[in-house]
């Protein structure tokens, strides 16, 4: 099954994409649901990342989109060589962190293939 994932605690794809129906996104709101969905359904064709994901059930700052990107790279065990993504976070520092981690890792995979 090929699907696209939209990670954001508040926004919907219509707030980010001009033609969101072209992507047919599955929306996940938390880091935990992000991990669980990918573990159950495999690697998405495309992920749109927010970084700041609000508060967790304990009222503390929730794990963020950067944590989700790190999970993909370091813990998921998935082959990301053809993985596509976009970072729609309004947090410019975190957006660069997510983009840098994923881009560098995918480039590393291509250079070793």
PDB file of N, CA and C in Angstrom:
ATOM      1  N   UNK A   1       0.837  -1.187   0.000  1.00  0.00           N
ATOM      2  CA  UNK A   1       0.000   0.000   0.000  1.00  0.00           C
ATOM      3  C   UNK A   1       0.876   1.242   0.000  1.00  0.00           C
ATOM      4  N   UNK A   2       0.591   2.127  -0.875  1.00  0.00           N
ATOM      5  CA  UNK A   2       1.334   3.384  -0.939  1.00  0.00           C
ATOM      6  C   UNK A   2       0.442   4.484  -0.371  1.00  0.00           C
ATOM      7  N   UNK A   3       0.995   5.245   0.541  1.00  0.00           N
ATOM      8  CA  UNK A   3       0.214   6.319   1.138  1.00  0.00           C
ATOM      9  C   UNK A   3       1.127   7.498   1.451  1.00  0.00           C
ATOM     10  N   UNK A   4       0.522   8.630   1.762  1.00  0.00           N
ATOM     11  CA  UNK A   4       1.241   9.834   2.159  1.00  0.00           C
ATOM     12  C   UNK A   4       0.801  10.198   3.572  1.00  0.00           C
ATOM     13  N   UNK A   5       1.741  10.702   4.358  1.00  0.00           N
ATOM     14  CA  UNK A   5       1.476  10.989   5.763  1.00  0.00           C
ATOM     15  C   UNK A   5       1.656  12.480   6.042  1.00  0.00           C
ATOM     16  N   UNK A   6       0.756  13.039   6.826  1.00  0.00           N
ATOM     17  CA  UNK A   6       0.789  14.443   7.217  1.00  0.00           C
ATOM     18  C   UNK A   6       0.888  14.489   8.727  1.00  0.00           C
ATOM     19  N   UNK A   7       2.050  14.901   9.246  1.00  0.00           N
ATOM     20  CA  UNK A   7       2.290  14.976  10.689  1.00  0.00           C
ATOM     21  C   UNK A   7       2.117  16.419  11.152  1.00  0.00           C
ATOM     22  N   UNK A   8       1.074  16.663  11.929  1.00  0.00           N
ATOM     23  CA  UNK A   8       0.813  18.011  12.439  1.00  0.00           C
ATOM     24  C   UNK A   8      -0.220  17.901  13.554  1.00  0.00           C
ATOM     25  N   UNK A   9      -0.013  18.637  14.635  1.00  0.00           N
ATOM     26  CA  UNK A   9      -0.939  18.556  15.759  1.00  0.00           C
ATOM     27  C   UNK A   9      -2.217  19.368  15.562  1.00  0.00           C
ATOM     28  N   UNK A  10      -2.189  20.355  14.669  1.00  0.00           N
ATOM     29  CA  UNK A  10      -3.340  21.242  14.517  1.00  0.00           C
ATOM     30  C   UNK A  10      -3.799  21.376  13.068  1.00  0.00           C
ATOM     31  N   UNK A  11      -2.866  21.665  12.188  1.00  0.00           N
ATOM     32  CA  UNK A  11      -3.225  21.970  10.797  1.00  0.00           C
ATOM     33  C   UNK A  11      -3.740  20.743  10.049  1.00  0.00           C
ATOM     34  N   UNK A  12      -4.428  21.055   8.965  1.00  0.00           N
ATOM     35  CA  UNK A  12      -4.872  20.040   8.010  1.00  0.00           C
ATOM     36  C   UNK A  12      -4.171  20.341   6.687  1.00  0.00           C
ATOM     37  N   UNK A  13      -4.083  19.357   5.795  1.00  0.00           N
ATOM     38  CA  UNK A  13      -3.360  19.569   4.533  1.00  0.00           C
ATOM     39  C   UNK A  13      -3.839  20.780   3.741  1.00  0.00           C
ATOM     40  N   UNK A  14      -5.138  21.116   3.818  1.00  0.00           N
ATOM     41  CA  UNK A  14      -5.675  22.262   3.082  1.00  0.00           C
ATOM     42  C   UNK A  14      -5.017  23.576   3.509  1.00  0.00           C
ATOM     43  N   UNK A  15      -4.437  23.607   4.702  1.00  0.00           N
ATOM     44  CA  UNK A  15      -3.782  24.807   5.205  1.00  0.00           C
ATOM     45  C   UNK A  15      -2.347  24.934   4.691  1.00  0.00           C
ATOM     46  N   UNK A  16      -1.831  23.874   4.092  1.00  0.00           N
ATOM     47  CA  UNK A  16      -0.431  23.839   3.653  1.00  0.00           C
ATOM     48  C   UNK A  16      -0.296  23.666   2.147  1.00  0.00           C
ATOM     49  N   UNK A  17      -1.166  22.866   1.552  1.00  0.00           N
ATOM     50  CA  UNK A  17      -1.044  22.484   0.145  1.00  0.00           C
ATOM     51  C   UNK A  17      -2.152  23.104  -0.698  1.00  0.00           C
ATOM     52  N   UNK A  18      -1.775  23.568  -1.879  1.00  0.00           N
ATOM     53  CA  UNK A  18      -2.746  24.158  -2.804  1.00  0.00           C
ATOM     54  C   UNK A  18      -3.765  23.116  -3.267  1.00  0.00           C
ATOM     55  N   UNK A  19      -3.309  21.902  -3.571  1.00  0.00           N
ATOM     56  CA  UNK A  19      -4.192  20.819  -4.031  1.00  0.00           C
ATOM     57  C   UNK A  19      -4.024  19.593  -3.138  1.00  0.00           C
ATOM     58  N   UNK A  20      -4.517  19.659  -1.900  1.00  0.00           N
ATOM     59  CA  UNK A  20      -4.272  18.569  -0.954  1.00  0.00           C
ATOM     60  C   UNK A  20      -4.863  17.230  -1.379  1.00  0.00           C
ATOM     61  N   UNK A  21      -5.937  17.256  -2.170  1.00  0.00           N
ATOM     62  CA  UNK A  21      -6.541  15.998  -2.612  1.00  0.00           C
ATOM     63  C   UNK A  21      -5.595  15.202  -3.499  1.00  0.00           C
ATOM     64  N   UNK A  22      -4.631  15.879  -4.130  1.00  0.00           N
ATOM     65  CA  UNK A  22      -3.644  15.185  -4.963  1.00  0.00           C
ATOM     66  C   UNK A  22      -2.768  14.254  -4.132  1.00  0.00           C
ATOM     67  N   UNK A  23      -2.688  14.517  -2.831  1.00  0.00           N
ATOM     68  CA  UNK A  23      -1.809  13.744  -1.956  1.00  0.00           C
ATOM     69  C   UNK A  23      -2.534  12.647  -1.194  1.00  0.00           C
ATOM     70  N   UNK A  24      -3.833  12.784  -1.006  1.00  0.00           N
ATOM     71  CA  UNK A  24      -4.612  11.789  -0.279  1.00  0.00           C
ATOM     72  C   UNK A  24      -3.924  11.430   1.045  1.00  0.00           C
ATOM     73  N   UNK A  25      -3.690  12.445   1.875  1.00  0.00           N
ATOM     74  CA  UNK A  25      -2.943  12.271   3.119  1.00  0.00           C
ATOM     75  C   UNK A  25      -3.699  11.474   4.177  1.00  0.00           C
ATOM     76  N   UNK A  26      -2.931  10.709   4.940  1.00  0.00           N
ATOM     77  CA  UNK A  26      -3.358  10.186   6.228  1.00  0.00           C
ATOM     78  C   UNK A  26      -2.782  11.168   7.250  1.00  0.00           C
ATOM     79  N   UNK A  27      -3.602  11.687   8.143  1.00  0.00           N
ATOM     80  CA  UNK A  27      -3.162  12.684   9.123  1.00  0.00           C
ATOM     81  C   UNK A  27      -2.867  11.997  10.450  1.00  0.00           C
ATOM     82  N   UNK A  28      -1.677  12.260  10.996  1.00  0.00           N
ATOM     83  CA  UNK A  28      -1.345  11.817  12.349  1.00  0.00           C
ATOM     84  C   UNK A  28      -0.967  13.049  13.158  1.00  0.00           C
ATOM     85  N   UNK A  29      -1.363  13.064  14.419  1.00  0.00           N
ATOM     86  CA  UNK A  29      -1.236  14.257  15.250  1.00  0.00           C
ATOM     87  C   UNK A  29      -0.102  14.202  16.270  1.00  0.00           C
ATOM     88  N   UNK A  30       0.456  13.025  16.532  1.00  0.00           N
ATOM     89  CA  UNK A  30       1.496  12.893  17.560  1.00  0.00           C
ATOM     90  C   UNK A  30       2.643  12.036  17.059  1.00  0.00           C
ATOM     91  N   UNK A  31       3.783  12.162  17.721  1.00  0.00           N
ATOM     92  CA  UNK A  31       4.937  11.308  17.427  1.00  0.00           C
ATOM     93  C   UNK A  31       4.564   9.839  17.582  1.00  0.00           C
ATOM     94  N   UNK A  32       3.857   9.513  18.661  1.00  0.00           N
ATOM     95  CA  UNK A  32       3.499   8.116  18.932  1.00  0.00           C
ATOM     96  C   UNK A  32       2.610   7.541  17.829  1.00  0.00           C
ATOM     97  N   UNK A  33       1.660   8.332  17.363  1.00  0.00           N
ATOM     98  CA  UNK A  33       0.783   7.854  16.281  1.00  0.00           C
ATOM     99  C   UNK A  33       1.541   7.765  14.960  1.00  0.00           C
ATOM    100  N   UNK A  34       2.501   8.658  14.766  1.00  0.00           N
ATOM    101  CA  UNK A  34       3.376   8.611  13.592  1.00  0.00           C
ATOM    102  C   UNK A  34       4.108   7.267  13.547  1.00  0.00           C
ATOM    103  N   UNK A  35       4.770   6.924  14.640  1.00  0.00           N
ATOM    104  CA  UNK A  35       5.521   5.669  14.717  1.00  0.00           C
ATOM    105  C   UNK A  35       4.590   4.476  14.553  1.00  0.00           C
ATOM    106  N   UNK A  36       3.479   4.481  15.274  1.00  0.00           N
ATOM    107  CA  UNK A  36       2.548   3.348  15.224  1.00  0.00           C
ATOM    108  C   UNK A  36       1.987   3.154  13.819  1.00  0.00           C
ATOM    109  N   UNK A  37       1.650   4.235  13.142  1.00  0.00           N
ATOM    110  CA  UNK A  37       1.074   4.121  11.804  1.00  0.00           C
ATOM    111  C   UNK A  37       2.096   3.537  10.823  1.00  0.00           C
ATOM    112  N   UNK A  38       3.333   4.011  10.887  1.00  0.00           N
ATOM    113  CA  UNK A  38       4.361   3.508   9.980  1.00  0.00           C
ATOM    114  C   UNK A  38       4.707   2.058  10.308  1.00  0.00           C
ATOM    115  N   UNK A  39       4.765   1.724  11.585  1.00  0.00           N
ATOM    116  CA  UNK A  39       5.043   0.327  11.948  1.00  0.00           C
ATOM    117  C   UNK A  39       3.943  -0.600  11.449  1.00  0.00           C
ATOM    118  N   UNK A  40       2.711  -0.124  11.443  1.00  0.00           N
ATOM    119  CA  UNK A  40       1.580  -0.952  10.989  1.00  0.00           C
ATOM    120  C   UNK A  40       1.430  -0.985   9.478  1.00  0.00           C
ATOM    121  N   UNK A  41       1.843   0.093   8.780  1.00  0.00           N
ATOM    122  CA  UNK A  41       1.544   0.228   7.352  1.00  0.00           C
ATOM    123  C   UNK A  41       2.755   0.358   6.438  1.00  0.00           C
ATOM    124  N   UNK A  42       3.954   0.369   7.012  1.00  0.00           N
ATOM    125  CA  UNK A  42       5.149   0.519   6.202  1.00  0.00           C
ATOM    126  C   UNK A  42       5.476   1.975   5.915  1.00  0.00           C
ATOM    127  N   UNK A  43       6.573   2.188   5.212  1.00  0.00           N
ATOM    128  CA  UNK A  43       7.046   3.533   4.908  1.00  0.00           C
ATOM    129  C   UNK A  43       6.106   4.237   3.934  1.00  0.00           C
ATOM    130  N   UNK A  44       5.679   5.460   4.273  1.00  0.00           N
ATOM    131  CA  UNK A  44       4.866   6.216   3.331  1.00  0.00           C
ATOM    132  C   UNK A  44       5.670   6.584   2.091  1.00  0.00           C
ATOM    133  N   UNK A  45       4.974   6.879   1.029  1.00  0.00           N
ATOM    134  CA  UNK A  45       5.639   7.373  -0.178  1.00  0.00           C
ATOM    135  C   UNK A  45       6.184   8.777   0.085  1.00  0.00           C
ATOM    136  N   UNK A  46       5.465   9.552   0.912  1.00  0.00           N
ATOM    137  CA  UNK A  46       5.772  10.964   1.138  1.00  0.00           C
ATOM    138  C   UNK A  46       5.285  11.338   2.534  1.00  0.00           C
ATOM    139  N   UNK A  47       6.082  12.151   3.246  1.00  0.00           N
ATOM    140  CA  UNK A  47       5.658  12.662   4.553  1.00  0.00           C
ATOM    141  C   UNK A  47       5.806  14.177   4.558  1.00  0.00           C
ATOM    142  N   UNK A  48       4.786  14.843   5.068  1.00  0.00           N
ATOM    143  CA  UNK A  48       4.823  16.278   5.301  1.00  0.00           C
ATOM    144  C   UNK A  48       4.964  16.477   6.814  1.00  0.00           C
ATOM    145  N   UNK A  49       6.066  17.117   7.231  1.00  0.00           N
ATOM    146  CA  UNK A  49       6.410  17.235   8.653  1.00  0.00           C
ATOM    147  C   UNK A  49       6.102  18.610   9.225  1.00  0.00           C
ATOM    148  N   UNK A  50       5.397  18.634  10.349  1.00  0.00           N
ATOM    149  CA  UNK A  50       5.412  19.780  11.245  1.00  0.00           C
ATOM    150  C   UNK A  50       6.463  19.444  12.292  1.00  0.00           C
ATOM    151  N   UNK A  51       6.967  20.432  13.007  1.00  0.00           N
ATOM    152  CA  UNK A  51       7.897  20.110  14.083  1.00  0.00           C
ATOM    153  C   UNK A  51       7.218  20.177  15.440  1.00  0.00           C
ATOM    154  N   UNK A  52       6.661  21.311  15.791  1.00  0.00           N
ATOM    155  CA  UNK A  52       6.109  21.501  17.125  1.00  0.00           C
ATOM    156  C   UNK A  52       4.742  20.836  17.211  1.00  0.00           C
ATOM    157  N   UNK A  53       4.653  19.796  18.045  1.00  0.00           N
ATOM    158  CA  UNK A  53       3.438  18.986  18.103  1.00  0.00           C
ATOM    159  C   UNK A  53       2.667  19.161  19.405  1.00  0.00           C
ATOM    160  N   UNK A  54       2.757  20.351  19.992  1.00  0.00           N
ATOM    161  CA  UNK A  54       1.944  20.665  21.159  1.00  0.00           C
ATOM    162  C   UNK A  54       2.394  19.962  22.418  1.00  0.00           C
ATOM    163  N   UNK A  55       1.418  19.639  23.268  1.00  0.00           N
ATOM    164  CA  UNK A  55       1.685  19.008  24.557  1.00  0.00           C
ATOM    165  C   UNK A  55       1.222  17.564  24.545  1.00  0.00           C
ATOM    166  N   UNK A  56       1.886  16.737  25.330  1.00  0.00           N
ATOM    167  CA  UNK A  56       1.466  15.339  25.451  1.00  0.00           C
ATOM    168  C   UNK A  56       0.377  15.225  26.525  1.00  0.00           C
ATOM    169  N   UNK A  57      -0.066  14.018  26.808  1.00  0.00           N
ATOM    170  CA  UNK A  57      -1.164  13.817  27.760  1.00  0.00           C
ATOM    171  C   UNK A  57      -0.794  14.260  29.169  1.00  0.00           C
ATOM    172  N   UNK A  58       0.501  14.309  29.492  1.00  0.00           N
ATOM    173  CA  UNK A  58       0.953  14.761  30.812  1.00  0.00           C
ATOM    174  C   UNK A  58       1.088  16.280  30.884  1.00  0.00           C
ATOM    175  N   UNK A  59       0.778  16.974  29.767  1.00  0.00           N
ATOM    176  CA  UNK A  59       0.867  18.420  29.745  1.00  0.00           C
ATOM    177  C   UNK A  59       2.280  18.939  29.505  1.00  0.00           C
ATOM    178  N   UNK A  60       3.176  18.049  29.094  1.00  0.00           N
ATOM    179  CA  UNK A  60       4.557  18.438  28.787  1.00  0.00           C
ATOM    180  C   UNK A  60       4.706  18.581  27.276  1.00  0.00           C
ATOM    181  N   UNK A  61       5.774  19.274  26.857  1.00  0.00           N
ATOM    182  CA  UNK A  61       6.028  19.436  25.429  1.00  0.00           C
ATOM    183  C   UNK A  61       6.182  18.048  24.798  1.00  0.00           C
ATOM    184  N   UNK A  62       5.401  17.792  23.776  1.00  0.00           N
ATOM    185  CA  UNK A  62       5.390  16.486  23.115  1.00  0.00           C
ATOM    186  C   UNK A  62       6.640  16.284  22.266  1.00  0.00           C
ATOM    187  N   UNK A  63       6.975  15.009  22.019  1.00  0.00           N
ATOM    188  CA  UNK A  63       8.054  14.727  21.068  1.00  0.00           C
ATOM    189  C   UNK A  63       7.637  15.341  19.739  1.00  0.00           C
ATOM    190  N   UNK A  64       8.642  15.856  19.011  1.00  0.00           N
ATOM    191  CA  UNK A  64       8.359  16.694  17.851  1.00  0.00           C
ATOM    192  C   UNK A  64       8.667  16.018  16.520  1.00  0.00           C
ATOM    193  N   UNK A  65       8.512  16.804  15.452  1.00  0.00           N
ATOM    194  CA  UNK A  65       8.782  16.296  14.109  1.00  0.00           C
ATOM    195  C   UNK A  65      10.232  15.904  13.910  1.00  0.00           C
ATOM    196  N   UNK A  66      11.147  16.598  14.575  1.00  0.00           N
ATOM    197  CA  UNK A  66      12.564  16.214  14.497  1.00  0.00           C
ATOM    198  C   UNK A  66      12.771  14.844  15.123  1.00  0.00           C
ATOM    199  N   UNK A  67      12.091  14.569  16.222  1.00  0.00           N
ATOM    200  CA  UNK A  67      12.156  13.236  16.834  1.00  0.00           C
ATOM    201  C   UNK A  67      11.607  12.190  15.863  1.00  0.00           C
ATOM    202  N   UNK A  68      10.565  12.539  15.123  1.00  0.00           N
ATOM    203  CA  UNK A  68       9.998  11.614  14.133  1.00  0.00           C
ATOM    204  C   UNK A  68      11.004  11.340  13.018  1.00  0.00           C
ATOM    205  N   UNK A  69      11.679  12.387  12.546  1.00  0.00           N
ATOM    206  CA  UNK A  69      12.698  12.211  11.503  1.00  0.00           C
ATOM    207  C   UNK A  69      13.859  11.361  12.032  1.00  0.00           C
ATOM    208  N   UNK A  70      14.292  11.625  13.265  1.00  0.00           N
ATOM    209  CA  UNK A  70      15.369  10.821  13.853  1.00  0.00           C
ATOM    210  C   UNK A  70      14.941   9.362  13.999  1.00  0.00           C
ATOM    211  N   UNK A  71      13.689   9.127  14.365  1.00  0.00           N
ATOM    212  CA  UNK A  71      13.200   7.754  14.475  1.00  0.00           C
ATOM    213  C   UNK A  71      13.287   7.060  13.111  1.00  0.00           C
ATOM    214  N   UNK A  72      12.876   7.758  12.067  1.00  0.00           N
ATOM    215  CA  UNK A  72      12.949   7.168  10.724  1.00  0.00           C
ATOM    216  C   UNK A  72      14.377   6.762  10.373  1.00  0.00           C
ATOM    217  N   UNK A  73      15.332   7.665  10.631  1.00  0.00           N
ATOM    218  CA  UNK A  73      16.723   7.435  10.244  1.00  0.00           C
ATOM    219  C   UNK A  73      17.397   6.394  11.133  1.00  0.00           C
ATOM    220  N   UNK A  74      17.255   6.536  12.429  1.00  0.00           N
ATOM    221  CA  UNK A  74      18.063   5.745  13.361  1.00  0.00           C
ATOM    222  C   UNK A  74      17.391   4.497  13.925  1.00  0.00           C
ATOM    223  N   UNK A  75      16.059   4.436  13.898  1.00  0.00           N
ATOM    224  CA  UNK A  75      15.397   3.328  14.593  1.00  0.00           C
ATOM    225  C   UNK A  75      14.392   2.541  13.775  1.00  0.00           C
ATOM    226  N   UNK A  76      13.907   3.101  12.674  1.00  0.00           N
ATOM    227  CA  UNK A  76      12.821   2.427  11.954  1.00  0.00           C
ATOM    228  C   UNK A  76      13.285   1.182  11.200  1.00  0.00           C
ATOM    229  N   UNK A  77      14.540   1.182  10.765  1.00  0.00           N
ATOM    230  CA  UNK A  77      15.035   0.063   9.964  1.00  0.00           C
ATOM    231  C   UNK A  77      14.492   0.059   8.544  1.00  0.00           C
ATOM    232  N   UNK A  78      13.824   1.125   8.133  1.00  0.00           N
ATOM    233  CA  UNK A  78      13.237   1.193   6.798  1.00  0.00           C
ATOM    234  C   UNK A  78      14.239   1.745   5.791  1.00  0.00           C
ATOM    235  N   UNK A  79      14.090   1.330   4.548  1.00  0.00           N
ATOM    236  CA  UNK A  79      14.958   1.814   3.481  1.00  0.00           C
ATOM    237  C   UNK A  79      14.405   3.150   2.979  1.00  0.00           C
ATOM    238  N   UNK A  80      15.134   4.225   3.247  1.00  0.00           N
ATOM    239  CA  UNK A  80      14.671   5.566   2.899  1.00  0.00           C
ATOM    240  C   UNK A  80      15.245   6.087   1.587  1.00  0.00           C
ATOM    241  N   UNK A  81      15.870   5.226   0.786  1.00  0.00           N
ATOM    242  CA  UNK A  81      16.591   5.702  -0.399  1.00  0.00           C
ATOM    243  C   UNK A  81      15.689   6.453  -1.382  1.00  0.00           C
ATOM    244  N   UNK A  82      14.419   6.063  -1.501  1.00  0.00           N
ATOM    245  CA  UNK A  82      13.498   6.742  -2.425  1.00  0.00           C
ATOM    246  C   UNK A  82      12.433   7.561  -1.697  1.00  0.00           C
ATOM    247  N   UNK A  83      12.682   7.834  -0.428  1.00  0.00           N
ATOM    248  CA  UNK A  83      11.745   8.546   0.418  1.00  0.00           C
ATOM    249  C   UNK A  83      11.650  10.022   0.018  1.00  0.00           C
ATOM    250  N   UNK A  84      10.438  10.553  -0.016  1.00  0.00           N
ATOM    251  CA  UNK A  84      10.206  11.958  -0.336  1.00  0.00           C
ATOM    252  C   UNK A  84       9.520  12.620   0.852  1.00  0.00           C
ATOM    253  N   UNK A  85       9.881  13.895   1.087  1.00  0.00           N
ATOM    254  CA  UNK A  85       9.311  14.594   2.227  1.00  0.00           C
ATOM    255  C   UNK A  85       9.269  16.094   1.964  1.00  0.00           C
ATOM    256  N   UNK A  86       8.508  16.765   2.804  1.00  0.00           N
ATOM    257  CA  UNK A  86       8.465  18.227   2.832  1.00  0.00           C
ATOM    258  C   UNK A  86       8.297  18.620   4.290  1.00  0.00           C
ATOM    259  N   UNK A  87       8.930  19.705   4.699  1.00  0.00           N
ATOM    260  CA  UNK A  87       8.778  20.198   6.063  1.00  0.00           C
ATOM    261  C   UNK A  87       7.946  21.476   6.002  1.00  0.00           C
ATOM    262  N   UNK A  88       6.748  21.425   6.569  1.00  0.00           N
ATOM    263  CA  UNK A  88       5.855  22.576   6.547  1.00  0.00           C
ATOM    264  C   UNK A  88       5.834  23.328   7.883  1.00  0.00           C
ATOM    265  N   UNK A  89       6.742  22.991   8.768  1.00  0.00           N
ATOM    266  CA  UNK A  89       6.802  23.623  10.086  1.00  0.00           C
ATOM    267  C   UNK A  89       7.043  25.125   9.970  1.00  0.00           C
ATOM    268  N   UNK A  90       6.396  25.885  10.853  1.00  0.00           N
ATOM    269  CA  UNK A  90       6.625  27.330  10.918  1.00  0.00           C
ATOM    270  C   UNK A  90       7.854  27.660  11.764  1.00  0.00           C
ATOM    271  N   UNK A  91       8.470  26.656  12.362  1.00  0.00           N
ATOM    272  CA  UNK A  91       9.665  26.832  13.181  1.00  0.00           C
ATOM    273  C   UNK A  91      10.881  26.698  12.263  1.00  0.00           C
ATOM    274  N   UNK A  92      11.531  27.811  11.882  1.00  0.00           N
ATOM    275  CA  UNK A  92      12.588  27.745  10.868  1.00  0.00           C
ATOM    276  C   UNK A  92      13.821  26.955  11.298  1.00  0.00           C
ATOM    277  N   UNK A  93      14.177  27.009  12.562  1.00  0.00           N
ATOM    278  CA  UNK A  93      15.357  26.266  13.042  1.00  0.00           C
ATOM    279  C   UNK A  93      15.081  24.770  12.989  1.00  0.00           C
ATOM    280  N   UNK A  94      13.944  24.371  13.508  1.00  0.00           N
ATOM    281  CA  UNK A  94      13.591  22.951  13.501  1.00  0.00           C
ATOM    282  C   UNK A  94      13.381  22.440  12.076  1.00  0.00           C
ATOM    283  N   UNK A  95      12.789  23.271  11.213  1.00  0.00           N
ATOM    284  CA  UNK A  95      12.588  22.861   9.822  1.00  0.00           C
ATOM    285  C   UNK A  95      13.928  22.536   9.167  1.00  0.00           C
ATOM    286  N   UNK A  96      14.936  23.382   9.399  1.00  0.00           N
ATOM    287  CA  UNK A  96      16.275  23.125   8.839  1.00  0.00           C
ATOM    288  C   UNK A  96      16.870  21.845   9.416  1.00  0.00           C
ATOM    289  N   UNK A  97      16.634  21.579  10.699  1.00  0.00           N
ATOM    290  CA  UNK A  97      17.145  20.349  11.311  1.00  0.00           C
ATOM    291  C   UNK A  97      16.536  19.111  10.651  1.00  0.00           C
ATOM    292  N   UNK A  98      15.233  19.122  10.466  1.00  0.00           N
ATOM    293  CA  UNK A  98      14.555  17.979   9.844  1.00  0.00           C
ATOM    294  C   UNK A  98      15.033  17.808   8.407  1.00  0.00           C
ATOM    295  N   UNK A  99      15.031  18.904   7.650  1.00  0.00           N
ATOM    296  CA  UNK A  99      15.470  18.847   6.252  1.00  0.00           C
ATOM    297  C   UNK A  99      16.909  18.366   6.152  1.00  0.00           C
ATOM    298  N   UNK A 100      17.778  18.894   6.998  1.00  0.00           N
ATOM    299  CA  UNK A 100      19.190  18.516   6.955  1.00  0.00           C
ATOM    300  C   UNK A 100      19.405  17.053   7.275  1.00  0.00           C
ATOM    301  N   UNK A 101      18.779  16.574   8.338  1.00  0.00           N
ATOM    302  CA  UNK A 101      18.942  15.170   8.721  1.00  0.00           C
ATOM    303  C   UNK A 101      18.484  14.242   7.608  1.00  0.00           C
ATOM    304  N   UNK A 102      17.284  14.462   7.102  1.00  0.00           N
ATOM    305  CA  UNK A 102      16.740  13.551   6.090  1.00  0.00           C
ATOM    306  C   UNK A 102      17.485  13.660   4.759  1.00  0.00           C
ATOM    307  N   UNK A 103      17.779  14.882   4.331  1.00  0.00           N
ATOM    308  CA  UNK A 103      18.489  15.068   3.064  1.00  0.00           C
ATOM    309  C   UNK A 103      19.877  14.445   3.125  1.00  0.00           C
ATOM    310  N   UNK A 104      20.607  14.699   4.196  1.00  0.00           N
ATOM    311  CA  UNK A 104      21.956  14.127   4.325  1.00  0.00           C
ATOM    312  C   UNK A 104      21.916  12.614   4.368  1.00  0.00           C
ATOM    313  N   UNK A 105      20.955  12.039   5.082  1.00  0.00           N
ATOM    314  CA  UNK A 105      20.866  10.584   5.174  1.00  0.00           C
ATOM    315  C   UNK A 105      20.503   9.969   3.816  1.00  0.00           C
ATOM    316  N   UNK A 106      19.544  10.555   3.132  1.00  0.00           N
ATOM    317  CA  UNK A 106      19.153  10.030   1.817  1.00  0.00           C
ATOM    318  C   UNK A 106      20.316  10.165   0.835  1.00  0.00           C
ATOM    319  N   UNK A 107      21.028  11.293   0.868  1.00  0.00           N
ATOM    320  CA  UNK A 107      22.209  11.454   0.005  1.00  0.00           C
ATOM    321  C   UNK A 107      23.270  10.411   0.328  1.00  0.00           C
ATOM    322  N   UNK A 108      23.457  10.120   1.603  1.00  0.00           N
ATOM    323  CA  UNK A 108      24.413   9.079   2.029  1.00  0.00           C
ATOM    324  C   UNK A 108      23.995   7.715   1.448  1.00  0.00           C
ATOM    325  N   UNK A 109      22.710   7.415   1.515  1.00  0.00           N
ATOM    326  CA  UNK A 109      22.232   6.133   0.961  1.00  0.00           C
ATOM    327  C   UNK A 109      22.495   6.053  -0.538  1.00  0.00           C
ATOM    328  N   UNK A 110      22.248   7.151  -1.248  1.00  0.00           N
ATOM    329  CA  UNK A 110      22.492   7.171  -2.700  1.00  0.00           C
ATOM    330  C   UNK A 110      23.976   7.019  -3.025  1.00  0.00           C
ATOM    331  N   UNK A 111      24.839   7.617  -2.227  1.00  0.00           N
ATOM    332  CA  UNK A 111      26.280   7.544  -2.510  1.00  0.00           C
ATOM    333  C   UNK A 111      26.837   6.152  -2.232  1.00  0.00           C
ATOM    334  N   UNK A 112      26.123   5.353  -1.453  1.00  0.00           N
ATOM    335  CA  UNK A 112      26.569   3.996  -1.139  1.00  0.00           C
ATOM    336  C   UNK A 112      25.807   2.917  -1.890  1.00  0.00           C
ATOM    337  N   UNK A 113      24.980   3.326  -2.849  1.00  0.00           N
ATOM    338  CA  UNK A 113      24.203   2.308  -3.576  1.00  0.00           C
ATOM    339  C   UNK A 113      24.825   1.978  -4.912  1.00  0.00           C
TER     340      UNK A 113
END
